[in-house]
Amino acid sequence: RIFGTHGILTCFRPTRTLRQTLVAPKDKTTKEQKCGVVYHIQCAGQNSRGPCTENYIGETERSLKTRFAEHKRPSSTTSEVSQHIHIESPGHTVSLDKVQILDTEQDYFVRGVK
């Protein structure tokens, strides 16, 4: 109104239109399909002292589902998760539903620095 008294015309343009709000051309990527993630796995097993407190934090360039399948494979000798659930503590389990994604970054170097 103040500008109008001085002969200056103004117009308002919304920063986000209704079309931008309602239309989503792509489906959301599921947790299992995400690539380039840093993730946290919590063991769901029980020991004599109660719930297992073992944790694992890892990162992968590939999809989380592919990497998690490697962790669950009994023949995987390099995975700490596989050693824990198959050798050190048989009967303990890990679940893809309980995996928490901490961060997503496609660049390997930046993923390692964060």
PDB file of N, CA and C in Angstrom:
ATOM      1  N   ARG A   1       0.816  -1.188   0.000  1.00  0.00           N
ATOM      2  CA  ARG A   1       0.000   0.000   0.000  1.00  0.00           C
ATOM      3  C   ARG A   1       0.859   1.251   0.000  1.00  0.00           C
ATOM      4  N   ILE A   2       1.963   1.163   0.707  1.00  0.00           N
ATOM      5  CA  ILE A   2       2.820   2.349   0.781  1.00  0.00           C
ATOM      6  C   ILE A   2       3.399   2.669  -0.582  1.00  0.00           C
ATOM      7  N   PHE A   3       3.795   1.631  -1.329  1.00  0.00           N
ATOM      8  CA  PHE A   3       4.342   1.864  -2.669  1.00  0.00           C
ATOM      9  C   PHE A   3       3.290   2.471  -3.596  1.00  0.00           C
ATOM     10  N   GLY A   4       2.022   2.049  -3.436  1.00  0.00           N
ATOM     11  CA  GLY A   4       0.936   2.557  -4.279  1.00  0.00           C
ATOM     12  C   GLY A   4       0.731   4.051  -4.122  1.00  0.00           C
ATOM     13  N   THR A   5       0.919   4.584  -2.933  1.00  0.00           N
ATOM     14  CA  THR A   5       0.750   6.023  -2.717  1.00  0.00           C
ATOM     15  C   THR A   5       1.826   6.823  -3.433  1.00  0.00           C
ATOM     16  N   HIS A   6       2.942   6.181  -3.767  1.00  0.00           N
ATOM     17  CA  HIS A   6       4.026   6.855  -4.474  1.00  0.00           C
ATOM     18  C   HIS A   6       4.044   6.518  -5.967  1.00  0.00           C
ATOM     19  N   GLY A   7       3.023   5.801  -6.434  1.00  0.00           N
ATOM     20  CA  GLY A   7       2.916   5.499  -7.856  1.00  0.00           C
ATOM     21  C   GLY A   7       3.744   4.300  -8.302  1.00  0.00           C
ATOM     22  N   ILE A   8       4.164   3.458  -7.368  1.00  0.00           N
ATOM     23  CA  ILE A   8       4.959   2.269  -7.698  1.00  0.00           C
ATOM     24  C   ILE A   8       4.033   1.061  -7.678  1.00  0.00           C
ATOM     25  N   LEU A   9       3.991   0.332  -8.827  1.00  0.00           N
ATOM     26  CA  LEU A   9       3.153  -0.853  -8.912  1.00  0.00           C
ATOM     27  C   LEU A   9       3.910  -2.064  -8.376  1.00  0.00           C
ATOM     28  N   THR A  10       3.232  -2.906  -7.631  1.00  0.00           N
ATOM     29  CA  THR A  10       3.837  -4.131  -7.105  1.00  0.00           C
ATOM     30  C   THR A  10       2.946  -5.309  -7.458  1.00  0.00           C
ATOM     31  N   CYS A  11       3.540  -6.461  -7.524  1.00  0.00           N
ATOM     32  CA  CYS A  11       2.760  -7.673  -7.729  1.00  0.00           C
ATOM     33  C   CYS A  11       3.372  -8.782  -6.875  1.00  0.00           C
ATOM     34  N   PHE A  12       2.544  -9.726  -6.504  1.00  0.00           N
ATOM     35  CA  PHE A  12       2.982 -10.823  -5.666  1.00  0.00           C
ATOM     36  C   PHE A  12       2.970 -12.098  -6.495  1.00  0.00           C
ATOM     37  N   ARG A  13       4.046 -12.841  -6.389  1.00  0.00           N
ATOM     38  CA  ARG A  13       4.117 -14.136  -7.065  1.00  0.00           C
ATOM     39  C   ARG A  13       4.524 -15.164  -6.021  1.00  0.00           C
ATOM     40  N   PRO A  14       3.710 -16.196  -5.817  1.00  0.00           N
ATOM     41  CA  PRO A  14       4.037 -17.189  -4.785  1.00  0.00           C
ATOM     42  C   PRO A  14       5.303 -17.959  -5.156  1.00  0.00           C
ATOM     43  N   THR A  15       6.071 -18.322  -4.150  1.00  0.00           N
ATOM     44  CA  THR A  15       7.315 -19.053  -4.403  1.00  0.00           C
ATOM     45  C   THR A  15       7.045 -20.507  -4.756  1.00  0.00           C
ATOM     46  N   ARG A  16       5.931 -21.055  -4.316  1.00  0.00           N
ATOM     47  CA  ARG A  16       5.583 -22.441  -4.617  1.00  0.00           C
ATOM     48  C   ARG A  16       4.110 -22.480  -5.030  1.00  0.00           C
ATOM     49  N   THR A  17       3.866 -22.906  -6.259  1.00  0.00           N
ATOM     50  CA  THR A  17       2.498 -22.930  -6.763  1.00  0.00           C
ATOM     51  C   THR A  17       1.782 -24.199  -6.325  1.00  0.00           C
ATOM     52  N   LEU A  18       0.489 -24.218  -6.526  1.00  0.00           N
ATOM     53  CA  LEU A  18      -0.308 -25.387  -6.180  1.00  0.00           C
ATOM     54  C   LEU A  18       0.117 -26.593  -7.016  1.00  0.00           C
ATOM     55  N   ARG A  19       0.434 -26.364  -8.264  1.00  0.00           N
ATOM     56  CA  ARG A  19       0.884 -27.456  -9.138  1.00  0.00           C
ATOM     57  C   ARG A  19       2.192 -28.066  -8.607  1.00  0.00           C
ATOM     58  N   GLN A  20       3.125 -27.235  -8.199  1.00  0.00           N
ATOM     59  CA  GLN A  20       4.390 -27.732  -7.667  1.00  0.00           C
ATOM     60  C   GLN A  20       4.178 -28.515  -6.373  1.00  0.00           C
ATOM     61  N   THR A  21       3.199 -28.139  -5.602  1.00  0.00           N
ATOM     62  CA  THR A  21       2.926 -28.809  -4.348  1.00  0.00           C
ATOM     63  C   THR A  21       2.255 -30.168  -4.559  1.00  0.00           C
ATOM     64  N   LEU A  22       1.321 -30.248  -5.499  1.00  0.00           N
ATOM     65  CA  LEU A  22       0.534 -31.462  -5.677  1.00  0.00           C
ATOM     66  C   LEU A  22       1.149 -32.485  -6.622  1.00  0.00           C
ATOM     67  N   VAL A  23       1.876 -32.046  -7.620  1.00  0.00           N
ATOM     68  CA  VAL A  23       2.390 -32.960  -8.633  1.00  0.00           C
ATOM     69  C   VAL A  23       3.784 -33.434  -8.251  1.00  0.00           C
ATOM     70  N   ALA A  24       3.945 -34.752  -8.177  1.00  0.00           N
ATOM     71  CA  ALA A  24       5.249 -35.360  -7.933  1.00  0.00           C
ATOM     72  C   ALA A  24       5.495 -36.348  -9.073  1.00  0.00           C
ATOM     73  N   PRO A  25       6.336 -36.012 -10.050  1.00  0.00           N
ATOM     74  CA  PRO A  25       6.493 -36.868 -11.222  1.00  0.00           C
ATOM     75  C   PRO A  25       7.169 -38.210 -10.937  1.00  0.00           C
ATOM     76  N   LYS A  26       7.931 -38.307  -9.870  1.00  0.00           N
ATOM     77  CA  LYS A  26       8.631 -39.555  -9.560  1.00  0.00           C
ATOM     78  C   LYS A  26       8.150 -40.125  -8.237  1.00  0.00           C
ATOM     79  N   ASP A  27       8.173 -41.447  -8.162  1.00  0.00           N
ATOM     80  CA  ASP A  27       7.869 -42.097  -6.897  1.00  0.00           C
ATOM     81  C   ASP A  27       9.048 -41.941  -5.952  1.00  0.00           C
ATOM     82  N   LYS A  28       8.774 -41.939  -4.678  1.00  0.00           N
ATOM     83  CA  LYS A  28       9.833 -41.856  -3.678  1.00  0.00           C
ATOM     84  C   LYS A  28      10.657 -43.145  -3.704  1.00  0.00           C
ATOM     85  N   THR A  29      11.969 -43.007  -3.519  1.00  0.00           N
ATOM     86  CA  THR A  29      12.846 -44.163  -3.461  1.00  0.00           C
ATOM     87  C   THR A  29      12.708 -44.822  -2.102  1.00  0.00           C
ATOM     88  N   THR A  30      12.508 -46.140  -2.096  1.00  0.00           N
ATOM     89  CA  THR A  30      12.392 -46.847  -0.825  1.00  0.00           C
ATOM     90  C   THR A  30      13.763 -46.942  -0.162  1.00  0.00           C
ATOM     91  N   LYS A  31      13.748 -47.239   1.120  1.00  0.00           N
ATOM     92  CA  LYS A  31      14.996 -47.339   1.875  1.00  0.00           C
ATOM     93  C   LYS A  31      15.913 -48.395   1.285  1.00  0.00           C
ATOM     94  N   GLU A  32      15.350 -49.519   0.855  1.00  0.00           N
ATOM     95  CA  GLU A  32      16.148 -50.624   0.324  1.00  0.00           C
ATOM     96  C   GLU A  32      16.824 -50.268  -0.994  1.00  0.00           C
ATOM     97  N   GLN A  33      16.233 -49.370  -1.771  1.00  0.00           N
ATOM     98  CA  GLN A  33      16.752 -49.029  -3.089  1.00  0.00           C
ATOM     99  C   GLN A  33      17.755 -47.882  -3.062  1.00  0.00           C
ATOM    100  N   LYS A  34      17.910 -47.209  -1.951  1.00  0.00           N
ATOM    101  CA  LYS A  34      18.810 -46.061  -1.890  1.00  0.00           C
ATOM    102  C   LYS A  34      20.257 -46.493  -2.046  1.00  0.00           C
ATOM    103  N   CYS A  35      21.019 -45.693  -2.785  1.00  0.00           N
ATOM    104  CA  CYS A  35      22.434 -45.957  -3.023  1.00  0.00           C
ATOM    105  C   CYS A  35      23.259 -44.848  -2.370  1.00  0.00           C
ATOM    106  N   GLY A  36      24.533 -45.146  -2.113  1.00  0.00           N
ATOM    107  CA  GLY A  36      25.418 -44.143  -1.539  1.00  0.00           C
ATOM    108  C   GLY A  36      25.006 -43.728  -0.146  1.00  0.00           C
ATOM    109  N   VAL A  37      24.778 -44.693   0.730  1.00  0.00           N
ATOM    110  CA  VAL A  37      24.278 -44.378   2.069  1.00  0.00           C
ATOM    111  C   VAL A  37      25.276 -44.762   3.152  1.00  0.00           C
ATOM    112  N   VAL A  38      25.185 -44.080   4.267  1.00  0.00           N
ATOM    113  CA  VAL A  38      25.856 -44.465   5.506  1.00  0.00           C
ATOM    114  C   VAL A  38      24.743 -44.989   6.394  1.00  0.00           C
ATOM    115  N   TYR A  39      24.901 -46.211   6.932  1.00  0.00           N
ATOM    116  CA  TYR A  39      23.801 -46.864   7.626  1.00  0.00           C
ATOM    117  C   TYR A  39      24.246 -47.425   8.973  1.00  0.00           C
ATOM    118  N   HIS A  40      23.255 -47.702   9.828  1.00  0.00           N
ATOM    119  CA  HIS A  40      23.481 -48.225  11.171  1.00  0.00           C
ATOM    120  C   HIS A  40      22.656 -49.492  11.335  1.00  0.00           C
ATOM    121  N   ILE A  41      23.311 -50.589  11.758  1.00  0.00           N
ATOM    122  CA  ILE A  41      22.628 -51.855  12.001  1.00  0.00           C
ATOM    123  C   ILE A  41      22.752 -52.180  13.489  1.00  0.00           C
ATOM    124  N   GLN A  42      21.622 -52.493  14.103  1.00  0.00           N
ATOM    125  CA  GLN A  42      21.568 -52.878  15.516  1.00  0.00           C
ATOM    126  C   GLN A  42      21.216 -54.359  15.583  1.00  0.00           C
ATOM    127  N   CYS A  43      21.969 -55.136  16.353  1.00  0.00           N
ATOM    128  CA  CYS A  43      21.682 -56.554  16.521  1.00  0.00           C
ATOM    129  C   CYS A  43      20.391 -56.718  17.323  1.00  0.00           C
ATOM    130  N   ALA A  44      19.543 -57.660  16.880  1.00  0.00           N
ATOM    131  CA  ALA A  44      18.256 -57.881  17.539  1.00  0.00           C
ATOM    132  C   ALA A  44      18.271 -59.115  18.427  1.00  0.00           C
ATOM    133  N   GLY A  45      19.447 -59.654  18.703  1.00  0.00           N
ATOM    134  CA  GLY A  45      19.532 -60.876  19.501  1.00  0.00           C
ATOM    135  C   GLY A  45      19.457 -60.627  20.996  1.00  0.00           C
ATOM    136  N   GLN A  46      19.354 -61.724  21.734  1.00  0.00           N
ATOM    137  CA  GLN A  46      19.331 -61.693  23.193  1.00  0.00           C
ATOM    138  C   GLN A  46      20.506 -62.504  23.713  1.00  0.00           C
ATOM    139  N   ASN A  47      21.151 -62.016  24.748  1.00  0.00           N
ATOM    140  CA  ASN A  47      22.187 -62.802  25.415  1.00  0.00           C
ATOM    141  C   ASN A  47      21.796 -62.949  26.890  1.00  0.00           C
ATOM    142  N   SER A  48      22.671 -63.496  27.696  1.00  0.00           N
ATOM    143  CA  SER A  48      22.339 -63.763  29.106  1.00  0.00           C
ATOM    144  C   SER A  48      22.091 -62.481  29.903  1.00  0.00           C
ATOM    145  N   ARG A  49      22.635 -61.363  29.457  1.00  0.00           N
ATOM    146  CA  ARG A  49      22.474 -60.088  30.168  1.00  0.00           C
ATOM    147  C   ARG A  49      21.326 -59.248  29.616  1.00  0.00           C
ATOM    148  N   GLY A  50      20.577 -59.762  28.646  1.00  0.00           N
ATOM    149  CA  GLY A  50      19.461 -59.013  28.063  1.00  0.00           C
ATOM    150  C   GLY A  50      19.673 -58.800  26.574  1.00  0.00           C
ATOM    151  N   PRO A  51      19.144 -57.693  26.039  1.00  0.00           N
ATOM    152  CA  PRO A  51      19.287 -57.436  24.605  1.00  0.00           C
ATOM    153  C   PRO A  51      20.753 -57.224  24.210  1.00  0.00           C
ATOM    154  N   CYS A  52      21.106 -57.712  23.032  1.00  0.00           N
ATOM    155  CA  CYS A  52      22.472 -57.542  22.520  1.00  0.00           C
ATOM    156  C   CYS A  52      22.713 -56.069  22.210  1.00  0.00           C
ATOM    157  N   THR A  53      23.885 -55.572  22.555  1.00  0.00           N
ATOM    158  CA  THR A  53      24.204 -54.154  22.350  1.00  0.00           C
ATOM    159  C   THR A  53      25.153 -53.923  21.188  1.00  0.00           C
ATOM    160  N   GLU A  54      25.386 -54.944  20.367  1.00  0.00           N
ATOM    161  CA  GLU A  54      26.306 -54.796  19.241  1.00  0.00           C
ATOM    162  C   GLU A  54      25.702 -53.886  18.171  1.00  0.00           C
ATOM    163  N   ASN A  55      26.524 -52.968  17.670  1.00  0.00           N
ATOM    164  CA  ASN A  55      26.141 -52.027  16.616  1.00  0.00           C
ATOM    165  C   ASN A  55      27.132 -52.125  15.478  1.00  0.00           C
ATOM    166  N   TYR A  56      26.697 -51.747  14.302  1.00  0.00           N
ATOM    167  CA  TYR A  56      27.588 -51.683  13.145  1.00  0.00           C
ATOM    168  C   TYR A  56      27.201 -50.467  12.321  1.00  0.00           C
ATOM    169  N   ILE A  57      28.179 -49.655  11.966  1.00  0.00           N
ATOM    170  CA  ILE A  57      27.956 -48.520  11.073  1.00  0.00           C
ATOM    171  C   ILE A  57      28.795 -48.765   9.838  1.00  0.00           C
ATOM    172  N   GLY A  58      28.149 -48.700   8.675  1.00  0.00           N
ATOM    173  CA  GLY A  58      28.843 -48.959   7.420  1.00  0.00           C
ATOM    174  C   GLY A  58      28.396 -47.996   6.348  1.00  0.00           C
ATOM    175  N   GLU A  59      29.059 -48.094   5.199  1.00  0.00           N
ATOM    176  CA  GLU A  59      28.687 -47.259   4.058  1.00  0.00           C
ATOM    177  C   GLU A  59      28.789 -48.095   2.801  1.00  0.00           C
ATOM    178  N   THR A  60      27.966 -47.760   1.822  1.00  0.00           N
ATOM    179  CA  THR A  60      27.970 -48.494   0.570  1.00  0.00           C
ATOM    180  C   THR A  60      27.633 -47.572  -0.583  1.00  0.00           C
ATOM    181  N   GLU A  61      28.213 -47.880  -1.721  1.00  0.00           N
ATOM    182  CA  GLU A  61      27.921 -47.150  -2.949  1.00  0.00           C
ATOM    183  C   GLU A  61      26.731 -47.790  -3.661  1.00  0.00           C
ATOM    184  N   ARG A  62      26.551 -49.090  -3.410  1.00  0.00           N
ATOM    185  CA  ARG A  62      25.472 -49.835  -4.044  1.00  0.00           C
ATOM    186  C   ARG A  62      24.184 -49.689  -3.245  1.00  0.00           C
ATOM    187  N   SER A  63      23.134 -50.380  -3.675  1.00  0.00           N
ATOM    188  CA  SER A  63      21.863 -50.275  -2.952  1.00  0.00           C
ATOM    189  C   SER A  63      21.997 -50.917  -1.573  1.00  0.00           C
ATOM    190  N   LEU A  64      21.236 -50.413  -0.628  1.00  0.00           N
ATOM    191  CA  LEU A  64      21.292 -50.915   0.741  1.00  0.00           C
ATOM    192  C   LEU A  64      20.845 -52.376   0.801  1.00  0.00           C
ATOM    193  N   LYS A  65      19.884 -52.753  -0.029  1.00  0.00           N
ATOM    194  CA  LYS A  65      19.397 -54.130  -0.049  1.00  0.00           C
ATOM    195  C   LYS A  65      20.500 -55.104  -0.455  1.00  0.00           C
ATOM    196  N   THR A  66      21.303 -54.732  -1.461  1.00  0.00           N
ATOM    197  CA  THR A  66      22.399 -55.585  -1.915  1.00  0.00           C
ATOM    198  C   THR A  66      23.449 -55.748  -0.823  1.00  0.00           C
ATOM    199  N   ARG A  67      23.827 -54.658  -0.198  1.00  0.00           N
ATOM    200  CA  ARG A  67      24.851 -54.720   0.851  1.00  0.00           C
ATOM    201  C   ARG A  67      24.350 -55.485   2.071  1.00  0.00           C
ATOM    202  N   PHE A  68      23.087 -55.300   2.424  1.00  0.00           N
ATOM    203  CA  PHE A  68      22.533 -55.994   3.582  1.00  0.00           C
ATOM    204  C   PHE A  68      22.496 -57.501   3.342  1.00  0.00           C
ATOM    205  N   ALA A  69      22.185 -57.908   2.108  1.00  0.00           N
ATOM    206  CA  ALA A  69      22.181 -59.336   1.772  1.00  0.00           C
ATOM    207  C   ALA A  69      23.579 -59.922   1.951  1.00  0.00           C
ATOM    208  N   GLU A  70      24.617 -59.166   1.645  1.00  0.00           N
ATOM    209  CA  GLU A  70      25.995 -59.623   1.865  1.00  0.00           C
ATOM    210  C   GLU A  70      26.285 -59.784   3.355  1.00  0.00           C
ATOM    211  N   HIS A  71      25.782 -58.878   4.164  1.00  0.00           N
ATOM    212  CA  HIS A  71      25.987 -58.978   5.617  1.00  0.00           C
ATOM    213  C   HIS A  71      25.330 -60.241   6.174  1.00  0.00           C
ATOM    214  N   LYS A  72      24.188 -60.624   5.639  1.00  0.00           N
ATOM    215  CA  LYS A  72      23.464 -61.785   6.161  1.00  0.00           C
ATOM    216  C   LYS A  72      23.999 -63.114   5.630  1.00  0.00           C
ATOM    217  N   ARG A  73      24.826 -63.074   4.588  1.00  0.00           N
ATOM    218  CA  ARG A  73      25.359 -64.296   3.987  1.00  0.00           C
ATOM    219  C   ARG A  73      26.328 -64.984   4.944  1.00  0.00           C
ATOM    220  N   PRO A  74      26.142 -66.270   5.250  1.00  0.00           N
ATOM    221  CA  PRO A  74      27.032 -66.971   6.189  1.00  0.00           C
ATOM    222  C   PRO A  74      28.460 -67.123   5.663  1.00  0.00           C
ATOM    223  N   SER A  75      28.630 -67.132   4.349  1.00  0.00           N
ATOM    224  CA  SER A  75      29.966 -67.339   3.787  1.00  0.00           C
ATOM    225  C   SER A  75      30.797 -66.064   3.725  1.00  0.00           C
ATOM    226  N   SER A  76      30.222 -64.937   4.116  1.00  0.00           N
ATOM    227  CA  SER A  76      30.944 -63.668   4.069  1.00  0.00           C
ATOM    228  C   SER A  76      31.945 -63.605   5.225  1.00  0.00           C
ATOM    229  N   THR A  77      33.233 -63.624   4.892  1.00  0.00           N
ATOM    230  CA  THR A  77      34.263 -63.608   5.933  1.00  0.00           C
ATOM    231  C   THR A  77      34.740 -62.199   6.256  1.00  0.00           C
ATOM    232  N   THR A  78      34.466 -61.228   5.392  1.00  0.00           N
ATOM    233  CA  THR A  78      34.941 -59.866   5.631  1.00  0.00           C
ATOM    234  C   THR A  78      33.928 -59.004   6.370  1.00  0.00           C
ATOM    235  N   SER A  79      32.686 -59.437   6.445  1.00  0.00           N
ATOM    236  CA  SER A  79      31.648 -58.641   7.095  1.00  0.00           C
ATOM    237  C   SER A  79      31.638 -58.898   8.602  1.00  0.00           C
ATOM    238  N   GLU A  80      31.760 -57.838   9.381  1.00  0.00           N
ATOM    239  CA  GLU A  80      31.701 -57.964  10.839  1.00  0.00           C
ATOM    240  C   GLU A  80      30.312 -58.412  11.293  1.00  0.00           C
ATOM    241  N   VAL A  81      29.293 -57.967  10.587  1.00  0.00           N
ATOM    242  CA  VAL A  81      27.920 -58.354  10.929  1.00  0.00           C
ATOM    243  C   VAL A  81      27.746 -59.851  10.718  1.00  0.00           C
ATOM    244  N   SER A  82      28.226 -60.363   9.593  1.00  0.00           N
ATOM    245  CA  SER A  82      28.111 -61.790   9.300  1.00  0.00           C
ATOM    246  C   SER A  82      28.861 -62.624  10.336  1.00  0.00           C
ATOM    247  N   GLN A  83      30.051 -62.198  10.716  1.00  0.00           N
ATOM    248  CA  GLN A  83      30.805 -62.920  11.739  1.00  0.00           C
ATOM    249  C   GLN A  83      30.061 -62.930  13.066  1.00  0.00           C
ATOM    250  N   HIS A  84      29.425 -61.811  13.405  1.00  0.00           N
ATOM    251  CA  HIS A  84      28.708 -61.720  14.680  1.00  0.00           C
ATOM    252  C   HIS A  84      27.500 -62.651  14.694  1.00  0.00           C
ATOM    253  N   ILE A  85      26.666 -62.609  13.644  1.00  0.00           N
ATOM    254  CA  ILE A  85      25.416 -63.380  13.691  1.00  0.00           C
ATOM    255  C   ILE A  85      25.601 -64.854  13.355  1.00  0.00           C
ATOM    256  N   HIS A  86      26.727 -65.233  12.715  1.00  0.00           N
ATOM    257  CA  HIS A  86      26.911 -66.639  12.343  1.00  0.00           C
ATOM    258  C   HIS A  86      27.993 -67.354  13.158  1.00  0.00           C
ATOM    259  N   ILE A  87      29.008 -66.644  13.621  1.00  0.00           N
ATOM    260  CA  ILE A  87      30.130 -67.300  14.310  1.00  0.00           C
ATOM    261  C   ILE A  87      30.155 -66.948  15.797  1.00  0.00           C
ATOM    262  N   GLU A  88      30.230 -65.665  16.120  1.00  0.00           N
ATOM    263  CA  GLU A  88      30.383 -65.241  17.512  1.00  0.00           C
ATOM    264  C   GLU A  88      29.118 -65.467  18.341  1.00  0.00           C
ATOM    265  N   SER A  89      27.957 -65.157  17.778  1.00  0.00           N
ATOM    266  CA  SER A  89      26.698 -65.240  18.527  1.00  0.00           C
ATOM    267  C   SER A  89      25.622 -65.890  17.672  1.00  0.00           C
ATOM    268  N   PRO A  90      25.695 -67.210  17.471  1.00  0.00           N
ATOM    269  CA  PRO A  90      24.651 -67.865  16.665  1.00  0.00           C
ATOM    270  C   PRO A  90      23.272 -67.643  17.277  1.00  0.00           C
ATOM    271  N   GLY A  91      22.302 -67.440  16.436  1.00  0.00           N
ATOM    272  CA  GLY A  91      20.951 -67.175  16.920  1.00  0.00           C
ATOM    273  C   GLY A  91      20.607 -65.698  16.939  1.00  0.00           C
ATOM    274  N   HIS A  92      21.604 -64.837  16.874  1.00  0.00           N
ATOM    275  CA  HIS A  92      21.340 -63.405  16.804  1.00  0.00           C
ATOM    276  C   HIS A  92      20.941 -63.063  15.378  1.00  0.00           C
ATOM    277  N   THR A  93      20.124 -62.039  15.211  1.00  0.00           N
ATOM    278  CA  THR A  93      19.632 -61.666  13.891  1.00  0.00           C
ATOM    279  C   THR A  93      19.746 -60.167  13.675  1.00  0.00           C
ATOM    280  N   VAL A  94      19.697 -59.792  12.419  1.00  0.00           N
ATOM    281  CA  VAL A  94      19.599 -58.385  12.027  1.00  0.00           C
ATOM    282  C   VAL A  94      18.465 -58.294  11.020  1.00  0.00           C
ATOM    283  N   SER A  95      17.786 -57.162  10.999  1.00  0.00           N
ATOM    284  CA  SER A  95      16.632 -56.990  10.124  1.00  0.00           C
ATOM    285  C   SER A  95      16.801 -55.735   9.283  1.00  0.00           C
ATOM    286  N   LEU A  96      16.457 -55.847   8.004  1.00  0.00           N
ATOM    287  CA  LEU A  96      16.541 -54.691   7.112  1.00  0.00           C
ATOM    288  C   LEU A  96      15.541 -53.610   7.523  1.00  0.00           C
ATOM    289  N   ASP A  97      14.448 -54.016   8.151  1.00  0.00           N
ATOM    290  CA  ASP A  97      13.458 -53.040   8.618  1.00  0.00           C
ATOM    291  C   ASP A  97      14.017 -52.140   9.711  1.00  0.00           C
ATOM    292  N   LYS A  98      14.964 -52.661  10.488  1.00  0.00           N
ATOM    293  CA  LYS A  98      15.515 -51.895  11.612  1.00  0.00           C
ATOM    294  C   LYS A  98      16.779 -51.119  11.234  1.00  0.00           C
ATOM    295  N   VAL A  99      17.239 -51.242   9.984  1.00  0.00           N
ATOM    296  CA  VAL A  99      18.426 -50.504   9.553  1.00  0.00           C
ATOM    297  C   VAL A  99      18.065 -49.031   9.469  1.00  0.00           C
ATOM    298  N   GLN A 100      18.930 -48.204  10.019  1.00  0.00           N
ATOM    299  CA  GLN A 100      18.696 -46.764  10.034  1.00  0.00           C
ATOM    300  C   GLN A 100      19.685 -46.101   9.079  1.00  0.00           C
ATOM    301  N   ILE A 101      19.186 -45.299   8.140  1.00  0.00           N
ATOM    302  CA  ILE A 101      20.059 -44.567   7.224  1.00  0.00           C
ATOM    303  C   ILE A 101      20.470 -43.272   7.908  1.00  0.00           C
ATOM    304  N   LEU A 102      21.775 -43.110   8.097  1.00  0.00           N
ATOM    305  CA  LEU A 102      22.291 -41.924   8.783  1.00  0.00           C
ATOM    306  C   LEU A 102      22.501 -40.763   7.829  1.00  0.00           C
ATOM    307  N   ASP A 103      22.950 -41.065   6.594  1.00  0.00           N
ATOM    308  CA  ASP A 103      23.211 -40.010   5.622  1.00  0.00           C
ATOM    309  C   ASP A 103      23.224 -40.610   4.225  1.00  0.00           C
ATOM    310  N   THR A 104      22.997 -39.785   3.233  1.00  0.00           N
ATOM    311  CA  THR A 104      23.047 -40.199   1.837  1.00  0.00           C
ATOM    312  C   THR A 104      24.002 -39.267   1.100  1.00  0.00           C
ATOM    313  N   GLU A 105      24.987 -39.852   0.433  1.00  0.00           N
ATOM    314  CA  GLU A 105      25.966 -39.066  -0.330  1.00  0.00           C
ATOM    315  C   GLU A 105      26.520 -39.954  -1.442  1.00  0.00           C
ATOM    316  N   GLN A 106      26.448 -39.499  -2.681  1.00  0.00           N
ATOM    317  CA  GLN A 106      26.911 -40.291  -3.811  1.00  0.00           C
ATOM    318  C   GLN A 106      28.434 -40.292  -3.945  1.00  0.00           C
ATOM    319  N   ASP A 107      29.095 -39.216  -3.560  1.00  0.00           N
ATOM    320  CA  ASP A 107      30.558 -39.101  -3.698  1.00  0.00           C
ATOM    321  C   ASP A 107      31.257 -39.894  -2.588  1.00  0.00           C
ATOM    322  N   TYR A 108      32.121 -40.835  -2.970  1.00  0.00           N
ATOM    323  CA  TYR A 108      32.800 -41.717  -2.010  1.00  0.00           C
ATOM    324  C   TYR A 108      33.623 -40.921  -0.999  1.00  0.00           C
ATOM    325  N   PHE A 109      34.411 -39.966  -1.463  1.00  0.00           N
ATOM    326  CA  PHE A 109      35.283 -39.202  -0.570  1.00  0.00           C
ATOM    327  C   PHE A 109      34.464 -38.397   0.431  1.00  0.00           C
ATOM    328  N   VAL A 110      33.458 -37.727  -0.053  1.00  0.00           N
ATOM    329  CA  VAL A 110      32.624 -36.898   0.837  1.00  0.00           C
ATOM    330  C   VAL A 110      31.896 -37.790   1.834  1.00  0.00           C
ATOM    331  N   ARG A 111      31.438 -38.977   1.402  1.00  0.00           N
ATOM    332  CA  ARG A 111      30.757 -39.925   2.292  1.00  0.00           C
ATOM    333  C   ARG A 111      31.687 -40.367   3.419  1.00  0.00           C
ATOM    334  N   GLY A 112      32.956 -40.553   3.125  1.00  0.00           N
ATOM    335  CA  GLY A 112      33.921 -40.970   4.129  1.00  0.00           C
ATOM    336  C   GLY A 112      34.305 -39.872   5.093  1.00  0.00           C
ATOM    337  N   VAL A 113      34.236 -38.622   4.650  1.00  0.00           N
ATOM    338  CA  VAL A 113      34.636 -37.483   5.490  1.00  0.00           C
ATOM    339  C   VAL A 113      33.516 -37.085   6.440  1.00  0.00           C
ATOM    340  N   LYS A 114      32.262 -37.221   6.018  1.00  0.00           N
ATOM    341  CA  LYS A 114      31.134 -36.805   6.855  1.00  0.00           C
ATOM    342  C   LYS A 114      31.140 -37.577   8.096  1.00  0.00           C
TER     343      LYS A 114
END
